[in-house]
Amino acid sequence: MEQVIKEIWSRSNQYKVQIIKRKDGFFSTVAYLWVEEDGYEYWNPIKKGLSLIETEESAVALAIEHLREYSGENSCL
C-alpha cells in the first residue's frame, strides 16, 4: 500500500507536493494546484511523468524542484 510520508507546500500555499512511499520501497512525488472554480475548491493533481526515486532525501529534493517549477516561487515552507 502506498503511503504519503511528507507534504511540502509553496510559500503561497497554492501548490503542494506529496512524497509517497510505494509498496515496492521506492518513492514518488505528486504535485497539486489548489483550484477554486464554479463554487468548488479542491487540490488538482498536476500531471507529470512517473518517477521512481530510491531515497527519501532524493524525493524531497525533487519535490522542492517541482514546487519551484510549477509555482515560480524560489522557496518553499
N, C-alpha and C. Protein backbone atom coordinates (compact mmCIF):
# COMPACT_ATOMS: atom_id res chain seq x y z
N MET A 1 0.84 -1.18 0.00
CA MET A 1 0.00 0.00 0.00
C MET A 1 0.88 1.25 0.00
N GLU A 2 0.51 2.21 -0.79
CA GLU A 2 1.26 3.46 -0.85
C GLU A 2 0.92 4.32 0.36
N GLN A 3 1.91 5.10 0.81
CA GLN A 3 1.71 5.94 1.99
C GLN A 3 2.33 7.31 1.75
N VAL A 4 1.55 8.37 1.99
CA VAL A 4 2.09 9.72 1.92
C VAL A 4 2.93 9.93 3.17
N ILE A 5 4.22 10.18 2.98
CA ILE A 5 5.09 10.35 4.14
C ILE A 5 5.44 11.80 4.43
N LYS A 6 5.21 12.69 3.44
CA LYS A 6 5.53 14.10 3.65
C LYS A 6 4.80 14.94 2.61
N GLU A 7 4.42 16.16 3.03
CA GLU A 7 3.89 17.15 2.10
C GLU A 7 4.74 18.41 2.23
N ILE A 8 5.09 18.97 1.09
CA ILE A 8 5.85 20.22 1.06
C ILE A 8 5.01 21.23 0.31
N TRP A 9 4.85 22.42 0.89
CA TRP A 9 3.97 23.45 0.36
C TRP A 9 4.77 24.61 -0.19
N SER A 10 4.20 25.27 -1.19
CA SER A 10 4.78 26.51 -1.68
C SER A 10 4.50 27.62 -0.66
N ARG A 11 5.24 28.71 -0.74
CA ARG A 11 5.02 29.83 0.19
C ARG A 11 3.61 30.39 0.08
N SER A 12 3.04 30.38 -1.11
CA SER A 12 1.69 30.91 -1.32
C SER A 12 0.59 29.93 -0.89
N ASN A 13 0.96 28.71 -0.59
CA ASN A 13 0.02 27.63 -0.26
C ASN A 13 -0.92 27.28 -1.42
N GLN A 14 -0.57 27.68 -2.62
CA GLN A 14 -1.36 27.35 -3.81
C GLN A 14 -0.91 26.02 -4.43
N TYR A 15 0.29 25.58 -4.08
CA TYR A 15 0.85 24.35 -4.62
C TYR A 15 1.36 23.50 -3.46
N LYS A 16 1.31 22.21 -3.65
CA LYS A 16 1.93 21.29 -2.70
C LYS A 16 2.42 20.07 -3.46
N VAL A 17 3.39 19.39 -2.87
CA VAL A 17 3.88 18.14 -3.43
C VAL A 17 3.84 17.10 -2.32
N GLN A 18 3.26 15.96 -2.62
CA GLN A 18 3.25 14.85 -1.68
C GLN A 18 4.37 13.88 -2.06
N ILE A 19 5.08 13.43 -1.04
CA ILE A 19 6.09 12.39 -1.24
C ILE A 19 5.45 11.08 -0.78
N ILE A 20 5.44 10.12 -1.67
CA ILE A 20 4.75 8.86 -1.44
C ILE A 20 5.75 7.71 -1.40
N LYS A 21 5.66 6.90 -0.35
CA LYS A 21 6.46 5.68 -0.30
C LYS A 21 5.61 4.56 -0.87
N ARG A 22 6.13 3.93 -1.90
CA ARG A 22 5.41 2.87 -2.59
C ARG A 22 5.63 1.53 -1.90
N LYS A 23 4.77 0.58 -2.19
CA LYS A 23 4.90 -0.74 -1.56
C LYS A 23 6.15 -1.49 -2.00
N ASP A 24 6.75 -1.09 -3.13
CA ASP A 24 7.98 -1.73 -3.59
C ASP A 24 9.23 -1.10 -2.98
N GLY A 25 9.03 -0.10 -2.09
CA GLY A 25 10.16 0.53 -1.40
C GLY A 25 10.67 1.79 -2.07
N PHE A 26 10.26 2.05 -3.30
CA PHE A 26 10.65 3.28 -3.97
C PHE A 26 9.74 4.43 -3.53
N PHE A 27 10.14 5.63 -3.91
CA PHE A 27 9.36 6.83 -3.61
C PHE A 27 8.90 7.46 -4.92
N SER A 28 7.81 8.20 -4.85
CA SER A 28 7.36 9.00 -5.98
C SER A 28 6.81 10.31 -5.44
N THR A 29 6.58 11.26 -6.32
CA THR A 29 6.03 12.55 -5.92
C THR A 29 4.81 12.88 -6.78
N VAL A 30 3.87 13.61 -6.18
CA VAL A 30 2.71 14.09 -6.91
C VAL A 30 2.54 15.56 -6.55
N ALA A 31 2.51 16.42 -7.57
CA ALA A 31 2.33 17.85 -7.36
C ALA A 31 0.86 18.21 -7.57
N TYR A 32 0.38 19.16 -6.75
CA TYR A 32 -1.01 19.59 -6.79
C TYR A 32 -1.10 21.11 -6.85
N LEU A 33 -2.17 21.59 -7.46
CA LEU A 33 -2.52 23.00 -7.51
C LEU A 33 -3.88 23.19 -6.87
N TRP A 34 -4.01 24.19 -5.97
CA TRP A 34 -5.29 24.49 -5.35
C TRP A 34 -6.15 25.25 -6.36
N VAL A 35 -7.35 24.74 -6.61
CA VAL A 35 -8.24 25.30 -7.62
C VAL A 35 -9.55 25.71 -6.96
N GLU A 36 -10.03 26.89 -7.35
CA GLU A 36 -11.35 27.36 -6.92
C GLU A 36 -12.11 27.75 -8.18
N GLU A 37 -13.13 26.96 -8.52
CA GLU A 37 -13.93 27.27 -9.71
C GLU A 37 -15.34 26.75 -9.55
N ASP A 38 -16.28 27.51 -10.05
CA ASP A 38 -17.70 27.13 -10.05
C ASP A 38 -18.20 26.72 -8.66
N GLY A 39 -17.70 27.38 -7.62
CA GLY A 39 -18.14 27.07 -6.26
C GLY A 39 -17.46 25.87 -5.63
N TYR A 40 -16.53 25.24 -6.32
CA TYR A 40 -15.81 24.09 -5.78
C TYR A 40 -14.37 24.48 -5.48
N GLU A 41 -13.83 23.89 -4.43
CA GLU A 41 -12.42 24.07 -4.08
C GLU A 41 -11.81 22.69 -3.91
N TYR A 42 -10.67 22.48 -4.55
CA TYR A 42 -10.05 21.15 -4.48
C TYR A 42 -8.59 21.21 -4.91
N TRP A 43 -7.85 20.17 -4.54
CA TRP A 43 -6.46 20.01 -4.98
C TRP A 43 -6.48 19.26 -6.31
N ASN A 44 -6.00 19.91 -7.35
CA ASN A 44 -5.96 19.31 -8.67
C ASN A 44 -4.54 18.77 -8.92
N PRO A 45 -4.40 17.47 -9.17
CA PRO A 45 -3.05 16.94 -9.44
C PRO A 45 -2.51 17.49 -10.76
N ILE A 46 -1.25 17.84 -10.74
CA ILE A 46 -0.58 18.31 -11.95
C ILE A 46 0.10 17.08 -12.56
N LYS A 47 -0.24 16.78 -13.77
CA LYS A 47 0.28 15.57 -14.41
C LYS A 47 1.73 15.77 -14.82
N LYS A 48 2.56 14.85 -14.40
CA LYS A 48 3.95 14.79 -14.83
C LYS A 48 4.34 13.33 -14.77
N GLY A 49 5.28 12.92 -15.58
CA GLY A 49 5.65 11.52 -15.67
C GLY A 49 5.95 10.87 -14.34
N LEU A 50 5.81 9.56 -14.30
CA LEU A 50 6.07 8.78 -13.11
C LEU A 50 7.56 8.78 -12.80
N SER A 51 7.90 9.05 -11.55
CA SER A 51 9.30 8.99 -11.11
C SER A 51 9.44 7.95 -10.02
N LEU A 52 10.39 7.06 -10.18
CA LEU A 52 10.72 6.11 -9.13
C LEU A 52 12.04 6.57 -8.50
N ILE A 53 11.97 6.93 -7.24
CA ILE A 53 13.09 7.54 -6.56
C ILE A 53 13.55 6.59 -5.47
N GLU A 54 14.86 6.41 -5.35
CA GLU A 54 15.38 5.40 -4.43
C GLU A 54 15.41 5.85 -2.97
N THR A 55 15.65 7.14 -2.68
CA THR A 55 15.77 7.58 -1.30
C THR A 55 14.79 8.72 -0.99
N GLU A 56 14.44 8.83 0.29
CA GLU A 56 13.55 9.90 0.71
C GLU A 56 14.21 11.26 0.48
N GLU A 57 15.50 11.36 0.71
CA GLU A 57 16.22 12.62 0.51
C GLU A 57 16.14 13.08 -0.94
N SER A 58 16.29 12.16 -1.86
CA SER A 58 16.18 12.50 -3.29
C SER A 58 14.75 12.89 -3.64
N ALA A 59 13.78 12.25 -3.01
CA ALA A 59 12.38 12.59 -3.25
C ALA A 59 12.08 14.00 -2.77
N VAL A 60 12.62 14.39 -1.61
CA VAL A 60 12.42 15.75 -1.09
C VAL A 60 13.04 16.76 -2.04
N ALA A 61 14.25 16.51 -2.53
CA ALA A 61 14.91 17.42 -3.46
C ALA A 61 14.08 17.57 -4.74
N LEU A 62 13.54 16.48 -5.25
CA LEU A 62 12.71 16.53 -6.45
C LEU A 62 11.41 17.28 -6.18
N ALA A 63 10.82 17.07 -5.01
CA ALA A 63 9.57 17.76 -4.64
C ALA A 63 9.79 19.27 -4.61
N ILE A 64 10.89 19.71 -4.04
CA ILE A 64 11.21 21.15 -3.99
C ILE A 64 11.41 21.70 -5.40
N GLU A 65 12.08 20.93 -6.23
CA GLU A 65 12.28 21.34 -7.63
C GLU A 65 10.93 21.49 -8.36
N HIS A 66 10.01 20.54 -8.13
CA HIS A 66 8.68 20.63 -8.73
C HIS A 66 7.95 21.88 -8.25
N LEU A 67 8.00 22.17 -6.95
CA LEU A 67 7.33 23.36 -6.44
C LEU A 67 7.86 24.62 -7.08
N ARG A 68 9.18 24.71 -7.22
CA ARG A 68 9.77 25.89 -7.86
C ARG A 68 9.34 26.00 -9.32
N GLU A 69 9.32 24.88 -10.00
CA GLU A 69 8.94 24.86 -11.42
C GLU A 69 7.48 25.30 -11.61
N TYR A 70 6.57 24.72 -10.85
CA TYR A 70 5.15 25.00 -11.05
C TYR A 70 4.70 26.32 -10.46
N SER A 71 5.20 26.67 -9.28
CA SER A 71 4.73 27.89 -8.62
C SER A 71 5.48 29.13 -9.06
N GLY A 72 6.71 28.97 -9.54
CA GLY A 72 7.54 30.12 -9.89
C GLY A 72 8.14 30.79 -8.67
N GLU A 73 7.92 30.20 -7.49
CA GLU A 73 8.46 30.75 -6.24
C GLU A 73 9.83 30.14 -5.99
N ASN A 74 10.71 30.94 -5.38
CA ASN A 74 12.07 30.49 -5.14
C ASN A 74 12.25 29.64 -3.89
N SER A 75 11.30 29.71 -2.97
CA SER A 75 11.48 28.91 -1.76
C SER A 75 10.16 28.30 -1.34
N CYS A 76 10.26 27.31 -0.47
CA CYS A 76 9.10 26.57 0.00
C CYS A 76 9.07 26.65 1.51
N LEU A 77 7.96 26.26 2.08
CA LEU A 77 7.86 26.19 3.55
C LEU A 77 8.51 24.94 4.04
